[in-house]
Each structure stands twice: as C-alpha cells, then as structure tokens.
Amino acid sequence: MSNHADQQVSSGSDNPILTLEPLIEAVKDGLEVVGWELSGLQKTTSHQFEGRWQGKSTRSAYLFFHNEKIFEYASIDVYLDETSQGLTGNLALVVELVPLAELGDTASAIDFLCAIGSGILPGPYQRPLTLRLRRADQAESPSEAEVEVRFKLRLSNISIKSGHDAVMALTVDTVCAFQAILGHKEFRQFMPRDC
C-alpha cells in the first residue's frame, strides 16, 4: 500500500465484503478520496438463465468517474459483479488516443502501452489492457478509426475478503497509478494534441 493510501484511508470495517453494495461503497470511497467524481451508476440483476447457468443469478454495477482537473479525455470505469461464486470486479482507466493513422504499428503500440501500464500499476494483480478501434461508418478509411485504450486492474479476492479498507486502499493506489500513466511523458505522445 502506498503512503498516500495509508494517509487517506480512514479506519473502517475489516469484515469481508459479501455483497455488491458494500463493494460499490468501498470503491466509490477510494475514487472520491483522490478527487474523482461519480458521473454515472447503473445496476443490473439477471435471473433468467438457461443451460448450464439455469437457476443462477447475477447482480452487476457499472460506475463511471471523471476528474476534468486531471484530464478531460480520460475516465475511470468500474465494473463490479456479484454471482453465486462470489464478488469480482475491475477498475479501468479509459483514454481516447490519436486516430489509428497516427498511432503507428498496432502491435508495437500495444507492447508499448503494456510496458507503461505494467511498470506503473500495482502488482501482483491482474492488469489487462484493451485497445479498441471504432469507425463511425464502414465506408470510412481505416486510418480514420478512433482509438481507445483501457488500462485495467482486477480486484483480488484477497482484498475483497479483507474488507472495506483494503478495497478502498487498493482503489486509491490504482487511481494514483492511473494518474501517473496520464502524466507519463511517453504515453502523452498517443494523446490528442489539444489535451
């Protein structure tokens, strides 16, 4: 845990988190303590499964955070899930990048972005990276495709079972790492020029 997290996380429950709502609160508290504001929350419940999932139910939450003081082209998206197998979730830094034509070789760009993220995001957590390409119309040139990167960190079962303070501290550390990525000199070459 970073010193920042040590200083910011208040003493609270160290009971295991067992349901979705306390997990939402712990993650939300962590993001807000570092200055990110909740801009959207959606909860869903699914009961009607067939096949091997018949009889199961899931509850999910999607949270969206912004901090325009930091970077207007970035957001933090959070996905949390409660199933009969337990709780899971991830935090994702979502950043719009330059168009595909300016990105260069896609494989090299992914390797470069992974090197930045894995050097900054806390370990030993799983840290997936997603690069999304979008074309507003199929007739457009591929070089005009919009590019979005998602640096993710998966919440560990250990932190969830350790309770509110552990999840909040991991969230604070992750968000501080996301902010370090946004400020990374070499990462900024992939950002739109007006940011």
N, C-alpha and C. Protein backbone atom coordinates (compact mmCIF):
# COMPACT_ATOMS: atom_id res chain seq x y z
N MET A 1 0.86 -1.19 0.00
CA MET A 1 0.00 0.00 0.00
C MET A 1 0.89 1.23 0.00
N SER A 2 0.52 2.22 -0.78
CA SER A 2 1.33 3.43 -0.85
C SER A 2 1.15 4.28 0.39
N ASN A 3 2.10 5.23 0.60
CA ASN A 3 1.96 6.16 1.72
C ASN A 3 0.71 7.00 1.57
N HIS A 4 0.38 7.36 0.29
CA HIS A 4 -0.81 8.16 0.04
C HIS A 4 -2.05 7.43 0.57
N ALA A 5 -2.13 6.14 0.25
CA ALA A 5 -3.28 5.37 0.71
C ALA A 5 -3.29 5.25 2.22
N ASP A 6 -2.10 5.06 2.82
CA ASP A 6 -2.02 4.97 4.28
C ASP A 6 -2.57 6.23 4.94
N GLN A 7 -2.28 7.38 4.37
CA GLN A 7 -2.70 8.65 4.96
C GLN A 7 -4.17 8.93 4.73
N GLN A 8 -4.72 8.47 3.59
CA GLN A 8 -6.06 8.86 3.21
C GLN A 8 -7.16 7.91 3.68
N VAL A 9 -6.84 6.63 3.84
CA VAL A 9 -7.88 5.65 4.16
C VAL A 9 -8.21 5.71 5.64
N SER A 10 -9.47 5.94 5.92
CA SER A 10 -9.89 6.02 7.31
C SER A 10 -10.09 4.63 7.88
N SER A 11 -10.06 4.56 9.19
CA SER A 11 -10.30 3.27 9.83
C SER A 11 -11.76 2.92 9.70
N GLY A 12 -12.03 1.75 9.17
CA GLY A 12 -13.41 1.31 8.98
C GLY A 12 -13.51 -0.18 9.20
N SER A 13 -14.46 -0.79 8.55
CA SER A 13 -14.70 -2.21 8.74
C SER A 13 -13.61 -3.04 8.09
N ASP A 14 -13.16 -4.06 8.81
CA ASP A 14 -12.24 -5.01 8.20
C ASP A 14 -12.94 -6.36 8.00
N ASN A 15 -14.29 -6.36 8.03
CA ASN A 15 -15.06 -7.56 7.77
C ASN A 15 -15.06 -7.84 6.28
N PRO A 16 -15.10 -9.11 5.89
CA PRO A 16 -15.16 -9.44 4.46
C PRO A 16 -16.36 -8.78 3.79
N ILE A 17 -16.19 -8.34 2.55
CA ILE A 17 -17.30 -7.80 1.77
C ILE A 17 -17.99 -8.99 1.10
N LEU A 18 -19.29 -9.12 1.32
CA LEU A 18 -20.01 -10.29 0.84
C LEU A 18 -21.05 -9.98 -0.22
N THR A 19 -21.46 -8.70 -0.33
CA THR A 19 -22.49 -8.34 -1.30
C THR A 19 -22.06 -7.12 -2.10
N LEU A 20 -22.81 -6.84 -3.13
CA LEU A 20 -22.44 -5.81 -4.10
C LEU A 20 -22.39 -4.40 -3.50
N GLU A 21 -23.37 -4.02 -2.70
CA GLU A 21 -23.46 -2.64 -2.23
C GLU A 21 -22.24 -2.20 -1.41
N PRO A 22 -21.77 -3.01 -0.44
CA PRO A 22 -20.56 -2.58 0.28
C PRO A 22 -19.32 -2.49 -0.62
N LEU A 23 -19.26 -3.33 -1.65
CA LEU A 23 -18.15 -3.25 -2.60
C LEU A 23 -18.22 -1.95 -3.40
N ILE A 24 -19.41 -1.59 -3.82
CA ILE A 24 -19.60 -0.31 -4.51
C ILE A 24 -19.12 0.84 -3.63
N GLU A 25 -19.53 0.83 -2.36
CA GLU A 25 -19.16 1.92 -1.45
C GLU A 25 -17.66 2.01 -1.24
N ALA A 26 -16.99 0.86 -1.09
CA ALA A 26 -15.55 0.88 -0.85
C ALA A 26 -14.79 1.44 -2.05
N VAL A 27 -15.19 1.02 -3.25
CA VAL A 27 -14.54 1.52 -4.47
C VAL A 27 -14.85 3.01 -4.66
N LYS A 28 -16.10 3.38 -4.46
CA LYS A 28 -16.51 4.79 -4.60
C LYS A 28 -15.75 5.67 -3.61
N ASP A 29 -15.62 5.22 -2.37
CA ASP A 29 -14.88 5.99 -1.36
C ASP A 29 -13.43 6.19 -1.80
N GLY A 30 -12.82 5.14 -2.35
CA GLY A 30 -11.43 5.25 -2.80
C GLY A 30 -11.25 6.24 -3.93
N LEU A 31 -12.15 6.23 -4.88
CA LEU A 31 -12.04 7.16 -6.00
C LEU A 31 -12.29 8.60 -5.56
N GLU A 32 -13.27 8.79 -4.71
CA GLU A 32 -13.60 10.14 -4.27
C GLU A 32 -12.51 10.75 -3.40
N VAL A 33 -11.80 9.95 -2.60
CA VAL A 33 -10.76 10.50 -1.74
C VAL A 33 -9.59 11.05 -2.56
N VAL A 34 -9.45 10.57 -3.81
CA VAL A 34 -8.38 11.06 -4.69
C VAL A 34 -8.90 12.12 -5.66
N GLY A 35 -10.16 12.54 -5.50
CA GLY A 35 -10.67 13.67 -6.28
C GLY A 35 -11.46 13.33 -7.53
N TRP A 36 -11.80 12.06 -7.73
CA TRP A 36 -12.62 11.69 -8.90
C TRP A 36 -14.08 11.68 -8.49
N GLU A 37 -14.94 12.20 -9.38
CA GLU A 37 -16.37 12.34 -9.08
C GLU A 37 -17.18 11.29 -9.82
N LEU A 38 -18.16 10.73 -9.13
CA LEU A 38 -19.08 9.78 -9.75
C LEU A 38 -19.94 10.52 -10.76
N SER A 39 -19.92 10.06 -12.01
CA SER A 39 -20.75 10.69 -13.03
C SER A 39 -21.84 9.76 -13.54
N GLY A 40 -21.83 8.52 -13.10
CA GLY A 40 -22.88 7.60 -13.51
C GLY A 40 -22.79 6.29 -12.75
N LEU A 41 -23.95 5.69 -12.48
CA LEU A 41 -24.03 4.40 -11.80
C LEU A 41 -25.22 3.65 -12.37
N GLN A 42 -24.96 2.41 -12.77
CA GLN A 42 -26.02 1.56 -13.30
C GLN A 42 -25.92 0.20 -12.62
N LYS A 43 -27.04 -0.29 -12.11
CA LYS A 43 -27.08 -1.63 -11.52
C LYS A 43 -28.01 -2.49 -12.35
N THR A 44 -27.63 -3.76 -12.52
CA THR A 44 -28.47 -4.71 -13.24
C THR A 44 -28.55 -6.00 -12.45
N THR A 45 -29.69 -6.69 -12.59
CA THR A 45 -29.88 -8.00 -11.98
C THR A 45 -30.38 -8.94 -13.06
N SER A 46 -29.77 -10.11 -13.15
CA SER A 46 -30.17 -11.11 -14.14
C SER A 46 -30.55 -12.39 -13.42
N HIS A 47 -31.76 -12.91 -13.75
CA HIS A 47 -32.24 -14.14 -13.12
C HIS A 47 -32.51 -15.24 -14.15
N GLN A 48 -32.84 -14.86 -15.35
CA GLN A 48 -33.34 -15.83 -16.32
C GLN A 48 -32.22 -16.37 -17.19
N PHE A 49 -31.59 -17.43 -16.71
CA PHE A 49 -30.56 -18.10 -17.48
C PHE A 49 -31.06 -19.48 -17.89
N GLU A 50 -30.55 -19.96 -18.99
CA GLU A 50 -30.86 -21.32 -19.43
C GLU A 50 -29.55 -22.07 -19.60
N GLY A 51 -29.66 -23.37 -19.81
CA GLY A 51 -28.46 -24.18 -19.99
C GLY A 51 -27.74 -24.37 -18.67
N ARG A 52 -26.41 -24.35 -18.72
CA ARG A 52 -25.64 -24.65 -17.51
C ARG A 52 -25.75 -23.56 -16.45
N TRP A 53 -26.23 -22.35 -16.82
CA TRP A 53 -26.40 -21.28 -15.84
C TRP A 53 -27.82 -21.23 -15.27
N GLN A 54 -28.68 -22.18 -15.64
CA GLN A 54 -30.06 -22.16 -15.18
C GLN A 54 -30.12 -22.18 -13.65
N GLY A 55 -30.96 -21.33 -13.09
CA GLY A 55 -31.11 -21.24 -11.64
C GLY A 55 -30.14 -20.27 -10.99
N LYS A 56 -29.21 -19.71 -11.76
CA LYS A 56 -28.23 -18.77 -11.22
C LYS A 56 -28.77 -17.35 -11.34
N SER A 57 -28.17 -16.45 -10.59
CA SER A 57 -28.50 -15.03 -10.73
C SER A 57 -27.22 -14.23 -10.56
N THR A 58 -27.19 -13.08 -11.20
CA THR A 58 -26.05 -12.18 -11.06
C THR A 58 -26.56 -10.77 -10.83
N ARG A 59 -25.79 -10.02 -10.08
CA ARG A 59 -26.06 -8.60 -9.88
C ARG A 59 -24.78 -7.87 -10.26
N SER A 60 -24.91 -6.85 -11.07
CA SER A 60 -23.74 -6.12 -11.55
C SER A 60 -23.93 -4.64 -11.34
N ALA A 61 -22.80 -3.94 -11.26
CA ALA A 61 -22.83 -2.48 -11.16
C ALA A 61 -21.76 -1.92 -12.07
N TYR A 62 -22.12 -0.86 -12.77
CA TYR A 62 -21.19 -0.11 -13.61
C TYR A 62 -21.12 1.30 -13.04
N LEU A 63 -19.91 1.75 -12.72
CA LEU A 63 -19.72 3.09 -12.17
C LEU A 63 -18.78 3.84 -13.11
N PHE A 64 -19.05 5.13 -13.29
CA PHE A 64 -18.26 5.96 -14.19
C PHE A 64 -17.81 7.20 -13.43
N PHE A 65 -16.52 7.50 -13.51
CA PHE A 65 -15.93 8.62 -12.78
C PHE A 65 -15.16 9.52 -13.73
N HIS A 66 -15.19 10.82 -13.43
CA HIS A 66 -14.43 11.81 -14.19
C HIS A 66 -13.71 12.75 -13.23
N ASN A 67 -12.63 13.31 -13.73
CA ASN A 67 -11.90 14.36 -12.99
C ASN A 67 -11.32 15.29 -14.04
N GLU A 68 -12.10 16.28 -14.43
CA GLU A 68 -11.69 17.15 -15.54
C GLU A 68 -10.50 18.02 -15.18
N LYS A 69 -10.19 18.14 -13.89
CA LYS A 69 -8.98 18.87 -13.49
C LYS A 69 -7.74 18.10 -13.92
N ILE A 70 -7.86 16.78 -14.00
CA ILE A 70 -6.73 15.92 -14.36
C ILE A 70 -6.61 15.81 -15.87
N PHE A 71 -7.71 15.40 -16.54
CA PHE A 71 -7.63 15.12 -17.97
C PHE A 71 -9.02 14.93 -18.53
N GLU A 72 -9.41 15.79 -19.43
CA GLU A 72 -10.79 15.74 -19.92
C GLU A 72 -11.07 14.58 -20.86
N TYR A 73 -10.03 13.97 -21.42
CA TYR A 73 -10.24 12.85 -22.34
C TYR A 73 -10.17 11.50 -21.64
N ALA A 74 -10.10 11.49 -20.33
CA ALA A 74 -9.98 10.23 -19.59
C ALA A 74 -11.16 10.06 -18.64
N SER A 75 -11.50 8.81 -18.39
CA SER A 75 -12.49 8.48 -17.37
C SER A 75 -12.02 7.21 -16.69
N ILE A 76 -12.61 6.93 -15.55
CA ILE A 76 -12.38 5.65 -14.89
C ILE A 76 -13.72 4.93 -14.84
N ASP A 77 -13.75 3.76 -15.46
CA ASP A 77 -14.95 2.92 -15.48
C ASP A 77 -14.72 1.75 -14.54
N VAL A 78 -15.72 1.44 -13.75
CA VAL A 78 -15.63 0.35 -12.78
C VAL A 78 -16.75 -0.65 -13.08
N TYR A 79 -16.38 -1.92 -13.12
CA TYR A 79 -17.36 -2.99 -13.29
C TYR A 79 -17.26 -3.91 -12.08
N LEU A 80 -18.37 -4.12 -11.39
CA LEU A 80 -18.42 -4.99 -10.22
C LEU A 80 -19.52 -6.03 -10.43
N ASP A 81 -19.28 -7.25 -9.98
CA ASP A 81 -20.21 -8.34 -10.26
C ASP A 81 -20.36 -9.22 -9.02
N GLU A 82 -21.61 -9.54 -8.70
CA GLU A 82 -21.91 -10.47 -7.60
C GLU A 82 -22.62 -11.68 -8.19
N THR A 83 -22.00 -12.85 -8.05
CA THR A 83 -22.58 -14.09 -8.53
C THR A 83 -22.61 -15.09 -7.39
N SER A 84 -23.14 -16.28 -7.67
CA SER A 84 -23.15 -17.33 -6.65
C SER A 84 -21.74 -17.78 -6.31
N GLN A 85 -20.77 -17.49 -7.19
CA GLN A 85 -19.37 -17.82 -6.91
C GLN A 85 -18.66 -16.74 -6.11
N GLY A 86 -19.30 -15.59 -5.90
CA GLY A 86 -18.69 -14.52 -5.13
C GLY A 86 -18.64 -13.20 -5.89
N LEU A 87 -17.78 -12.31 -5.42
CA LEU A 87 -17.66 -10.97 -5.98
C LEU A 87 -16.42 -10.86 -6.85
N THR A 88 -16.55 -10.13 -7.94
CA THR A 88 -15.41 -9.83 -8.80
C THR A 88 -15.55 -8.38 -9.26
N GLY A 89 -14.50 -7.86 -9.87
CA GLY A 89 -14.59 -6.51 -10.41
C GLY A 89 -13.28 -6.04 -10.96
N ASN A 90 -13.37 -4.94 -11.70
CA ASN A 90 -12.16 -4.31 -12.19
C ASN A 90 -12.36 -2.81 -12.32
N LEU A 91 -11.23 -2.11 -12.25
CA LEU A 91 -11.19 -0.67 -12.48
C LEU A 91 -10.44 -0.45 -13.79
N ALA A 92 -10.92 0.47 -14.61
CA ALA A 92 -10.29 0.71 -15.90
C ALA A 92 -10.10 2.21 -16.14
N LEU A 93 -8.88 2.59 -16.49
CA LEU A 93 -8.61 3.93 -16.98
C LEU A 93 -8.89 3.92 -18.47
N VAL A 94 -9.82 4.75 -18.91
CA VAL A 94 -10.24 4.79 -20.31
C VAL A 94 -9.77 6.10 -20.91
N VAL A 95 -8.95 6.01 -21.98
CA VAL A 95 -8.38 7.21 -22.59
C VAL A 95 -8.56 7.15 -24.11
N GLU A 96 -9.08 8.24 -24.66
CA GLU A 96 -9.15 8.38 -26.12
C GLU A 96 -7.76 8.74 -26.63
N LEU A 97 -7.30 8.04 -27.65
CA LEU A 97 -5.98 8.27 -28.22
C LEU A 97 -6.08 8.94 -29.58
N VAL A 98 -4.93 9.16 -30.21
CA VAL A 98 -4.90 9.72 -31.56
C VAL A 98 -5.53 8.72 -32.52
N PRO A 99 -5.97 9.16 -33.71
CA PRO A 99 -6.54 8.23 -34.69
C PRO A 99 -5.52 7.15 -35.10
N LEU A 100 -6.04 6.08 -35.65
CA LEU A 100 -5.22 4.93 -36.00
C LEU A 100 -4.04 5.30 -36.90
N ALA A 101 -4.25 6.20 -37.85
CA ALA A 101 -3.17 6.58 -38.76
C ALA A 101 -1.98 7.17 -38.02
N GLU A 102 -2.23 7.85 -36.90
CA GLU A 102 -1.14 8.47 -36.13
C GLU A 102 -0.56 7.52 -35.08
N LEU A 103 -1.29 6.44 -34.78
CA LEU A 103 -0.85 5.51 -33.74
C LEU A 103 0.38 4.71 -34.18
N GLY A 104 0.47 4.43 -35.48
CA GLY A 104 1.57 3.61 -35.97
C GLY A 104 1.20 2.15 -35.92
N ASP A 105 2.21 1.29 -35.93
CA ASP A 105 2.00 -0.16 -35.91
C ASP A 105 1.25 -0.56 -34.64
N THR A 106 0.11 -1.23 -34.82
CA THR A 106 -0.76 -1.57 -33.69
C THR A 106 -0.07 -2.51 -32.70
N ALA A 107 0.62 -3.53 -33.19
CA ALA A 107 1.28 -4.47 -32.29
C ALA A 107 2.34 -3.76 -31.45
N SER A 108 3.10 -2.87 -32.08
CA SER A 108 4.13 -2.13 -31.34
C SER A 108 3.49 -1.20 -30.31
N ALA A 109 2.36 -0.58 -30.70
CA ALA A 109 1.66 0.32 -29.77
C ALA A 109 1.16 -0.44 -28.55
N ILE A 110 0.59 -1.64 -28.78
CA ILE A 110 0.10 -2.44 -27.65
C ILE A 110 1.26 -2.82 -26.72
N ASP A 111 2.37 -3.26 -27.31
CA ASP A 111 3.53 -3.61 -26.48
C ASP A 111 4.00 -2.42 -25.66
N PHE A 112 4.03 -1.25 -26.29
CA PHE A 112 4.49 -0.04 -25.62
C PHE A 112 3.55 0.34 -24.48
N LEU A 113 2.23 0.29 -24.74
CA LEU A 113 1.24 0.63 -23.72
C LEU A 113 1.28 -0.36 -22.57
N CYS A 114 1.47 -1.65 -22.87
CA CYS A 114 1.59 -2.66 -21.81
C CYS A 114 2.82 -2.41 -20.95
N ALA A 115 3.91 -2.00 -21.58
CA ALA A 115 5.13 -1.73 -20.81
C ALA A 115 4.92 -0.56 -19.85
N ILE A 116 4.22 0.47 -20.32
CA ILE A 116 3.92 1.61 -19.45
C ILE A 116 3.03 1.17 -18.28
N GLY A 117 1.91 0.50 -18.61
CA GLY A 117 0.96 0.10 -17.58
C GLY A 117 1.55 -0.86 -16.56
N SER A 118 2.28 -1.88 -17.03
CA SER A 118 2.82 -2.87 -16.10
C SER A 118 3.93 -2.28 -15.23
N GLY A 119 4.57 -1.21 -15.72
CA GLY A 119 5.60 -0.56 -14.92
C GLY A 119 5.05 0.36 -13.86
N ILE A 120 3.76 0.73 -13.98
CA ILE A 120 3.17 1.69 -13.05
C ILE A 120 2.07 1.09 -12.18
N LEU A 121 1.21 0.25 -12.75
CA LEU A 121 0.09 -0.31 -11.98
C LEU A 121 0.59 -1.27 -10.91
N PRO A 122 -0.07 -1.27 -9.74
CA PRO A 122 0.40 -2.13 -8.65
C PRO A 122 0.28 -3.61 -9.00
N GLY A 123 1.25 -4.38 -8.60
CA GLY A 123 1.21 -5.83 -8.74
C GLY A 123 1.00 -6.42 -7.37
N PRO A 124 0.73 -7.69 -7.27
CA PRO A 124 0.74 -8.73 -8.30
C PRO A 124 -0.64 -8.95 -8.92
N TYR A 125 -1.45 -7.94 -9.01
CA TYR A 125 -2.81 -8.06 -9.52
C TYR A 125 -2.81 -8.27 -11.03
N GLN A 126 -3.90 -8.87 -11.54
CA GLN A 126 -4.04 -8.98 -12.98
C GLN A 126 -4.29 -7.59 -13.55
N ARG A 127 -3.58 -7.28 -14.65
CA ARG A 127 -3.65 -5.94 -15.24
C ARG A 127 -3.88 -6.05 -16.75
N PRO A 128 -5.10 -6.38 -17.17
CA PRO A 128 -5.38 -6.48 -18.61
C PRO A 128 -5.26 -5.12 -19.29
N LEU A 129 -5.06 -5.17 -20.60
CA LEU A 129 -5.06 -3.95 -21.41
C LEU A 129 -5.93 -4.22 -22.63
N THR A 130 -6.80 -3.28 -22.95
CA THR A 130 -7.67 -3.40 -24.13
C THR A 130 -7.43 -2.20 -25.02
N LEU A 131 -7.27 -2.45 -26.31
CA LEU A 131 -7.17 -1.39 -27.30
C LEU A 131 -8.36 -1.55 -28.23
N ARG A 132 -9.22 -0.52 -28.28
CA ARG A 132 -10.44 -0.58 -29.10
C ARG A 132 -10.32 0.36 -30.29
N LEU A 133 -10.72 -0.14 -31.44
CA LEU A 133 -10.75 0.66 -32.66
C LEU A 133 -12.20 0.79 -33.10
N ARG A 134 -12.63 2.03 -33.47
CA ARG A 134 -14.01 2.27 -33.90
C ARG A 134 -14.01 3.10 -35.17
N ARG A 135 -14.85 2.69 -36.10
CA ARG A 135 -15.09 3.51 -37.29
C ARG A 135 -16.52 3.98 -37.25
N ALA A 136 -16.74 5.28 -37.41
CA ALA A 136 -18.09 5.84 -37.34
C ALA A 136 -18.96 5.28 -38.46
N ASP A 137 -18.35 4.94 -39.59
CA ASP A 137 -19.07 4.36 -40.71
C ASP A 137 -18.15 3.39 -41.42
N GLN A 138 -18.68 2.28 -41.88
CA GLN A 138 -17.85 1.27 -42.50
C GLN A 138 -17.20 1.75 -43.79
N ALA A 139 -17.72 2.82 -44.39
CA ALA A 139 -17.14 3.34 -45.63
C ALA A 139 -15.91 4.22 -45.37
N GLU A 140 -15.69 4.61 -44.11
CA GLU A 140 -14.53 5.44 -43.79
C GLU A 140 -13.23 4.69 -44.00
N SER A 141 -12.17 5.43 -44.19
CA SER A 141 -10.85 4.85 -44.29
C SER A 141 -10.45 4.25 -42.93
N PRO A 142 -9.82 3.07 -42.93
CA PRO A 142 -9.36 2.50 -41.65
C PRO A 142 -8.44 3.45 -40.88
N SER A 143 -7.70 4.28 -41.58
CA SER A 143 -6.77 5.19 -40.91
C SER A 143 -7.49 6.22 -40.06
N GLU A 144 -8.79 6.43 -40.32
CA GLU A 144 -9.57 7.41 -39.56
C GLU A 144 -10.21 6.80 -38.31
N ALA A 145 -9.98 5.54 -38.07
CA ALA A 145 -10.61 4.87 -36.92
C ALA A 145 -10.21 5.54 -35.62
N GLU A 146 -11.19 5.69 -34.73
CA GLU A 146 -10.92 6.22 -33.40
C GLU A 146 -10.31 5.11 -32.55
N VAL A 147 -9.41 5.50 -31.64
CA VAL A 147 -8.69 4.52 -30.81
C VAL A 147 -8.91 4.85 -29.34
N GLU A 148 -9.18 3.82 -28.56
CA GLU A 148 -9.36 3.96 -27.12
C GLU A 148 -8.55 2.88 -26.42
N VAL A 149 -7.86 3.25 -25.36
CA VAL A 149 -7.13 2.28 -24.56
C VAL A 149 -7.77 2.18 -23.19
N ARG A 150 -7.78 0.96 -22.65
CA ARG A 150 -8.27 0.71 -21.30
C ARG A 150 -7.18 -0.02 -20.53
N PHE A 151 -6.60 0.67 -19.55
CA PHE A 151 -5.69 0.03 -18.60
C PHE A 151 -6.55 -0.46 -17.45
N LYS A 152 -6.49 -1.76 -17.16
CA LYS A 152 -7.37 -2.32 -16.14
C LYS A 152 -6.58 -2.93 -14.99
N LEU A 153 -7.24 -2.98 -13.85
CA LEU A 153 -6.74 -3.74 -12.70
C LEU A 153 -7.91 -4.51 -12.12
N ARG A 154 -7.73 -5.83 -11.98
CA ARG A 154 -8.78 -6.67 -11.42
C ARG A 154 -8.66 -6.70 -9.91
N LEU A 155 -9.78 -6.48 -9.23
CA LEU A 155 -9.80 -6.56 -7.77
C LEU A 155 -9.54 -8.00 -7.35
N SER A 156 -8.69 -8.18 -6.39
CA SER A 156 -8.37 -9.53 -5.94
C SER A 156 -9.37 -10.01 -4.90
N ASN A 157 -9.56 -11.33 -4.85
CA ASN A 157 -10.41 -11.92 -3.81
C ASN A 157 -9.88 -11.61 -2.43
N ILE A 158 -8.55 -11.54 -2.32
CA ILE A 158 -7.95 -11.27 -1.00
C ILE A 158 -8.36 -9.89 -0.50
N SER A 159 -8.31 -8.88 -1.38
CA SER A 159 -8.68 -7.53 -0.93
C SER A 159 -10.17 -7.46 -0.61
N ILE A 160 -11.01 -8.12 -1.42
CA ILE A 160 -12.45 -8.10 -1.17
C ILE A 160 -12.76 -8.79 0.17
N LYS A 161 -12.10 -9.91 0.42
CA LYS A 161 -12.33 -10.63 1.69
C LYS A 161 -11.73 -9.89 2.88
N SER A 162 -10.78 -8.99 2.61
CA SER A 162 -10.16 -8.23 3.71
C SER A 162 -11.01 -7.06 4.15
N GLY A 163 -12.01 -6.68 3.34
CA GLY A 163 -12.96 -5.67 3.77
C GLY A 163 -12.83 -4.31 3.12
N HIS A 164 -13.64 -3.38 3.62
CA HIS A 164 -13.78 -2.03 3.06
C HIS A 164 -12.44 -1.32 2.92
N ASP A 165 -11.65 -1.29 4.00
CA ASP A 165 -10.41 -0.52 3.99
C ASP A 165 -9.41 -1.06 2.97
N ALA A 166 -9.35 -2.39 2.84
CA ALA A 166 -8.42 -2.99 1.88
C ALA A 166 -8.83 -2.65 0.45
N VAL A 167 -10.13 -2.73 0.15
CA VAL A 167 -10.60 -2.40 -1.21
C VAL A 167 -10.40 -0.91 -1.48
N MET A 168 -10.69 -0.08 -0.49
CA MET A 168 -10.51 1.36 -0.65
C MET A 168 -9.04 1.69 -0.89
N ALA A 169 -8.14 1.07 -0.13
CA ALA A 169 -6.70 1.33 -0.29
C ALA A 169 -6.22 0.89 -1.65
N LEU A 170 -6.65 -0.28 -2.11
CA LEU A 170 -6.26 -0.76 -3.44
C LEU A 170 -6.81 0.18 -4.52
N THR A 171 -8.02 0.68 -4.33
CA THR A 171 -8.61 1.63 -5.28
C THR A 171 -7.79 2.91 -5.33
N VAL A 172 -7.41 3.44 -4.17
CA VAL A 172 -6.60 4.66 -4.12
C VAL A 172 -5.27 4.43 -4.84
N ASP A 173 -4.60 3.32 -4.55
CA ASP A 173 -3.32 3.02 -5.19
C ASP A 173 -3.48 2.90 -6.70
N THR A 174 -4.57 2.26 -7.13
CA THR A 174 -4.81 2.08 -8.56
C THR A 174 -5.07 3.41 -9.25
N VAL A 175 -5.88 4.25 -8.63
CA VAL A 175 -6.19 5.56 -9.23
C VAL A 175 -4.93 6.43 -9.27
N CYS A 176 -4.10 6.39 -8.25
CA CYS A 176 -2.84 7.13 -8.29
C CYS A 176 -1.95 6.61 -9.42
N ALA A 177 -1.97 5.31 -9.65
CA ALA A 177 -1.21 4.74 -10.78
C ALA A 177 -1.81 5.20 -12.11
N PHE A 178 -3.14 5.22 -12.21
CA PHE A 178 -3.79 5.72 -13.43
C PHE A 178 -3.35 7.16 -13.71
N GLN A 179 -3.31 7.98 -12.66
CA GLN A 179 -2.91 9.38 -12.83
C GLN A 179 -1.44 9.47 -13.27
N ALA A 180 -0.60 8.56 -12.77
CA ALA A 180 0.80 8.53 -13.20
C ALA A 180 0.90 8.15 -14.67
N ILE A 181 0.05 7.24 -15.13
CA ILE A 181 0.03 6.89 -16.55
C ILE A 181 -0.35 8.11 -17.38
N LEU A 182 -1.39 8.85 -16.93
CA LEU A 182 -1.82 10.04 -17.66
C LEU A 182 -0.71 11.09 -17.75
N GLY A 183 0.14 11.15 -16.75
CA GLY A 183 1.23 12.12 -16.74
C GLY A 183 2.51 11.60 -17.36
N HIS A 184 2.54 10.35 -17.77
CA HIS A 184 3.74 9.72 -18.32
C HIS A 184 4.12 10.40 -19.64
N LYS A 185 5.34 10.89 -19.72
CA LYS A 185 5.78 11.67 -20.89
C LYS A 185 5.62 10.90 -22.19
N GLU A 186 6.00 9.63 -22.19
CA GLU A 186 5.94 8.87 -23.43
C GLU A 186 4.52 8.46 -23.78
N PHE A 187 3.66 8.28 -22.77
CA PHE A 187 2.26 7.96 -23.06
C PHE A 187 1.56 9.14 -23.73
N ARG A 188 1.96 10.34 -23.35
CA ARG A 188 1.28 11.53 -23.86
C ARG A 188 1.42 11.69 -25.38
N GLN A 189 2.40 11.02 -25.97
CA GLN A 189 2.53 11.08 -27.43
C GLN A 189 1.37 10.42 -28.16
N PHE A 190 0.64 9.55 -27.44
CA PHE A 190 -0.52 8.89 -28.02
C PHE A 190 -1.81 9.67 -27.80
N MET A 191 -1.76 10.74 -27.02
CA MET A 191 -2.97 11.51 -26.71
C MET A 191 -3.22 12.55 -27.79
N PRO A 192 -4.47 12.96 -27.97
CA PRO A 192 -4.76 14.04 -28.91
C PRO A 192 -3.97 15.29 -28.57
N ARG A 193 -3.57 16.04 -29.56
CA ARG A 193 -2.68 17.19 -29.36
C ARG A 193 -3.29 18.31 -28.53
N ASP A 194 -4.62 18.38 -28.48
CA ASP A 194 -5.26 19.50 -27.77
C ASP A 194 -5.48 19.20 -26.29
N CYS A 195 -4.87 18.14 -25.76
CA CYS A 195 -5.09 17.86 -24.34
C CYS A 195 -3.83 18.12 -23.55
